[in-house]
Protein backbone atom coordinates (compact mmCIF):
# COMPACT_ATOMS: atom_id res chain seq x y z
CA MET A 1 -119.62 -206.31 121.68
CA SER A 2 -120.10 -202.64 123.05
CA PHE A 3 -119.22 -201.92 126.87
CA LEU A 4 -121.26 -198.71 126.87
CA SER A 5 -125.25 -199.05 127.44
CA ARG A 6 -127.29 -199.29 124.01
CA ASP A 7 -130.23 -198.11 125.92
CA ALA A 8 -131.78 -194.65 125.75
CA GLN A 9 -130.17 -194.45 129.19
CA PRO A 10 -126.84 -193.52 128.63
CA SER A 11 -123.93 -195.39 130.75
CA ARG A 12 -122.77 -193.39 133.90
CA LEU A 13 -118.72 -193.91 133.29
CA LEU A 14 -116.14 -193.35 135.75
CA VAL A 15 -112.43 -192.93 133.74
CA LEU A 16 -109.44 -193.48 136.01
CA ASN A 17 -105.99 -192.80 135.22
CA GLY A 18 -103.76 -194.85 137.72
CA ASN A 19 -99.98 -193.47 136.60
CA PRO A 20 -99.40 -191.02 139.44
CA ALA A 21 -97.65 -188.70 136.61
CA ARG A 22 -100.77 -187.39 134.79
CA ASP A 23 -98.94 -186.12 131.65
CA ALA A 24 -97.62 -189.79 131.06
CA LEU A 25 -98.95 -191.97 128.32
CA CYS A 26 -101.76 -193.13 130.14
CA GLY A 27 -103.45 -189.90 130.96
CA ALA A 28 -103.33 -188.89 127.33
CA MET A 29 -105.55 -192.54 127.10
CA ALA A 30 -107.53 -191.64 129.83
CA GLU A 31 -108.51 -188.53 128.03
CA LYS A 32 -109.09 -190.06 124.85
CA ILE A 33 -111.30 -192.96 126.10
CA ALA A 34 -113.28 -190.06 127.95
CA ALA A 35 -113.82 -187.59 125.13
CA GLU A 36 -114.83 -190.93 123.22
CA ALA A 37 -117.65 -191.88 125.31
CA ARG A 38 -118.61 -188.45 125.34
CA ARG A 39 -118.89 -188.01 121.94
CA ARG A 40 -120.82 -191.38 122.18
CA GLY A 41 -123.66 -189.40 124.24
CA GLN A 42 -122.41 -191.36 128.01
CA THR A 43 -122.09 -189.61 131.20
CA VAL A 44 -118.39 -189.58 131.57
CA ARG A 45 -116.24 -188.59 135.14
CA LEU A 46 -112.67 -188.20 134.49
CA VAL A 47 -110.23 -188.68 137.55
CA HIS A 48 -106.38 -188.45 136.96
CA LEU A 49 -104.74 -190.29 140.48
CA GLU A 50 -102.15 -187.57 140.51
CA ASP A 51 -105.03 -184.91 141.49
CA LEU A 52 -106.69 -186.91 144.40
CA ASP A 53 -104.76 -185.97 147.83
CA PHE A 54 -105.06 -188.95 150.23
CA ASP A 55 -102.67 -191.30 152.39
CA ALA A 56 -102.25 -194.43 150.46
CA ASN A 57 -101.00 -196.69 152.99
CA LEU A 58 -103.66 -198.70 154.88
CA ARG A 59 -102.25 -198.50 158.42
CA LEU A 60 -104.90 -199.99 160.13
CA GLY A 61 -105.48 -202.63 158.27
CA TYR A 62 -109.65 -204.23 158.54
CA ARG A 63 -109.22 -203.48 162.38
CA ALA A 64 -110.36 -200.13 161.96
CA ARG A 65 -111.64 -198.04 159.21
CA MET A 66 -109.58 -194.77 158.77
CA GLU A 67 -111.49 -191.97 157.96
CA TRP A 68 -111.61 -190.85 154.47
CA GLU A 69 -109.99 -187.62 153.03
CA PRO A 70 -112.04 -185.69 150.69
CA ASP A 71 -110.54 -187.21 147.43
CA LEU A 72 -111.23 -190.53 148.63
CA GLN A 73 -114.86 -189.64 149.61
CA ALA A 74 -115.62 -188.31 146.06
CA PHE A 75 -113.97 -190.72 144.49
CA ALA A 76 -116.32 -193.47 146.37
CA ASP A 77 -118.92 -191.37 145.79
CA SER A 78 -117.68 -191.66 142.06
CA LEU A 79 -117.47 -195.37 142.31
CA THR A 80 -121.04 -195.23 143.84
CA TRP A 81 -122.53 -193.30 141.16
CA CYS A 82 -121.15 -195.32 138.12
CA ASP A 83 -122.46 -198.78 136.32
CA ARG A 84 -119.01 -198.73 134.01
CA LEU A 85 -115.43 -198.37 135.22
CA VAL A 86 -112.27 -197.90 133.05
CA ILE A 87 -108.73 -197.93 134.48
CA VAL A 88 -105.72 -196.95 132.77
CA HIS A 89 -102.39 -197.50 134.23
CA PRO A 90 -98.88 -198.68 133.61
CA LEU A 91 -97.76 -202.04 134.88
CA TRP A 92 -94.95 -201.20 137.18
CA TRP A 93 -93.05 -204.63 139.05
CA GLY A 94 -95.87 -207.05 137.50
CA SER A 95 -98.76 -204.97 139.38
CA ALA A 96 -100.09 -201.57 139.73
CA PRO A 97 -98.35 -198.50 141.03
CA ALA A 98 -98.12 -198.48 144.60
CA GLN A 99 -100.50 -195.28 145.06
CA LEU A 100 -103.37 -196.76 142.99
CA LYS A 101 -103.12 -200.02 144.65
CA GLY A 102 -103.34 -197.46 148.09
CA LEU A 103 -106.42 -196.10 146.89
CA LEU A 104 -108.02 -199.52 145.96
CA ASP A 105 -106.83 -200.55 149.67
CA ARG A 106 -108.44 -197.59 151.23
CA VAL A 107 -111.65 -197.45 149.05
CA LEU A 108 -112.80 -201.15 148.80
CA MET A 109 -112.84 -201.50 152.28
CA PRO A 110 -115.74 -203.99 154.58
CA GLY A 111 -118.73 -201.82 154.33
CA PHE A 112 -118.34 -200.26 151.01
CA GLY A 113 -116.81 -202.63 148.40
CA PHE A 114 -117.64 -205.75 150.30
CA GLN A 115 -119.56 -206.84 153.31
CA TYR A 116 -118.77 -210.14 155.87
CA ILE A 117 -122.35 -211.98 156.58
CA GLU A 118 -121.93 -214.19 159.82
CA GLY A 119 -121.94 -217.72 159.12
CA LYS A 120 -121.34 -217.27 155.33
CA ALA A 121 -117.78 -218.45 153.80
CA PHE A 122 -117.83 -215.18 151.00
CA PRO A 123 -118.72 -211.62 151.49
CA LYS A 124 -121.03 -210.04 149.97
CA PRO A 125 -119.80 -208.20 147.13
CA LEU A 126 -121.62 -204.42 147.53
CA LEU A 127 -121.02 -202.95 144.25
CA ALA A 128 -122.42 -205.85 141.65
CA GLY A 129 -124.17 -204.50 139.03
CA ARG A 130 -121.26 -202.66 137.24
CA LYS A 131 -118.67 -203.61 134.36
CA ALA A 132 -115.19 -203.01 134.36
CA ARG A 133 -112.11 -202.26 131.63
CA ILE A 134 -108.98 -201.98 132.53
CA VAL A 135 -106.33 -200.50 129.67
CA ILE A 136 -102.43 -201.46 130.63
CA THR A 137 -99.20 -199.95 129.37
CA SER A 138 -96.30 -202.36 129.75
CA ASP A 139 -92.37 -202.34 128.96
CA THR A 140 -92.98 -206.12 128.55
CA PRO A 141 -94.36 -207.40 125.37
CA THR A 142 -97.96 -208.74 125.72
CA PHE A 143 -97.32 -212.22 124.66
CA PHE A 144 -94.65 -212.45 127.83
CA LEU A 145 -96.89 -211.40 130.14
CA LYS A 146 -99.82 -213.73 129.64
CA TRP A 147 -97.48 -216.81 128.65
CA PHE A 148 -94.02 -216.33 130.74
CA TYR A 149 -95.69 -214.48 133.81
CA GLY A 150 -98.55 -215.96 133.65
CA ASN A 151 -100.86 -213.06 133.83
CA GLY A 152 -100.73 -212.59 137.44
CA TRP A 153 -102.17 -208.66 137.88
CA VAL A 154 -105.10 -209.33 135.61
CA LYS A 155 -106.03 -212.47 137.80
CA VAL A 156 -105.76 -210.46 141.25
CA LEU A 157 -107.93 -207.70 139.81
CA ARG A 158 -110.99 -209.84 137.97
CA ARG A 159 -110.50 -212.61 140.72
CA GLN A 160 -109.58 -210.80 144.18
CA ILE A 161 -110.28 -206.96 143.96
CA LEU A 162 -113.24 -206.27 141.28
CA GLY A 163 -114.66 -208.98 140.76
CA PHE A 164 -114.67 -209.70 144.54
CA CYS A 165 -116.36 -206.54 144.75
CA GLY A 166 -119.26 -207.27 142.28
CA PHE A 167 -117.57 -206.05 138.81
CA LYS A 168 -118.20 -208.44 135.74
CA ASP A 169 -117.51 -208.40 132.24
CA LEU A 170 -113.73 -207.45 133.05
CA LYS A 171 -111.85 -207.39 130.08
CA VAL A 172 -108.29 -205.99 129.25
CA MET A 173 -106.38 -204.52 126.65
CA TYR A 174 -102.08 -203.95 126.86
CA PHE A 175 -100.48 -201.54 125.10
CA SER A 176 -96.89 -202.78 124.56
CA PRO A 177 -93.74 -202.36 124.68
CA ILE A 178 -93.72 -198.47 125.33
CA ARG A 179 -90.06 -198.18 126.15
CA GLY A 180 -88.61 -197.40 122.74
CA ALA A 181 -91.60 -196.73 121.15
CA ARG A 182 -91.71 -194.04 118.41
CA PRO A 183 -93.82 -190.74 118.93
CA GLU A 184 -96.07 -191.76 116.04
CA ALA A 185 -96.71 -195.36 117.71
CA LEU A 186 -97.52 -193.80 121.09
CA ALA A 187 -100.02 -191.34 119.29
CA LYS A 188 -101.70 -194.85 117.57
CA MET A 189 -101.70 -196.35 121.26
CA VAL A 190 -103.76 -193.05 122.52
CA GLU A 191 -105.89 -193.65 119.53
CA ASP A 192 -106.53 -197.12 120.07
CA ALA A 193 -107.29 -197.00 123.98
CA ALA A 194 -110.83 -195.88 122.86
CA GLY A 195 -111.56 -199.28 121.30
CA ILE A 196 -111.61 -200.59 124.96
CA LEU A 197 -115.32 -198.64 124.92
CA GLY A 198 -116.28 -201.22 122.11
C-alpha cells in the first residue's frame, strides 16, 4: 500500500536526513526519496540535519521552554505543515545520532508535540493525522537487530516519540550491513530506499 496520497490532493512530505554528515549514505537516500516523491507529484520539503543550527541539549527539561532558534522554528513549521514524514538515519549505539535525538527533544515539547490534560493519565497528541516512515542504516545485520537486540530504538520511536505525538502507520526499512559493502551495493541501497514510499 502506498504511503503517499492517492487523492487529487498530493501529500505534503517532509524528508529528514538525520545523519549529522550530509554527504553520508543517509543523505543520498534522503535525496533519492525526495526526488522520487516529487516525480510522483507530491509536495516535498527536504531537511538535512547538518544544515540546522541549534543547541541539541534540552537543558531545562520540561521545567521551562527554551526559545527555538530560527532553524528549529523552521523545522517545527515543516512538521506542522507535513502530513507524511520520512526520517533517514544511521543506527549508532542502538539509537539515533545524538544531534537527531536532540532535535526531537527540543521540538516535540509539551504544547507542540503533545499536551498534558488536567485529570487525564495520558497526554493529548498534537501531531495526529500524520503518517511516518523510518529508513535505518546499520552495520549490524537486520535479523540481529530484531531478534537479539529486540529492535529497541524502533519501539521507542513507535510508542514513545512519534506515536506518542500522534504519528500513525509507522513502518521501517533497514539497510545493513553498511560497513564493508561494495560501492555497487551501496548504490543499490540508495535506489531501493525510495521503496519506503510504497
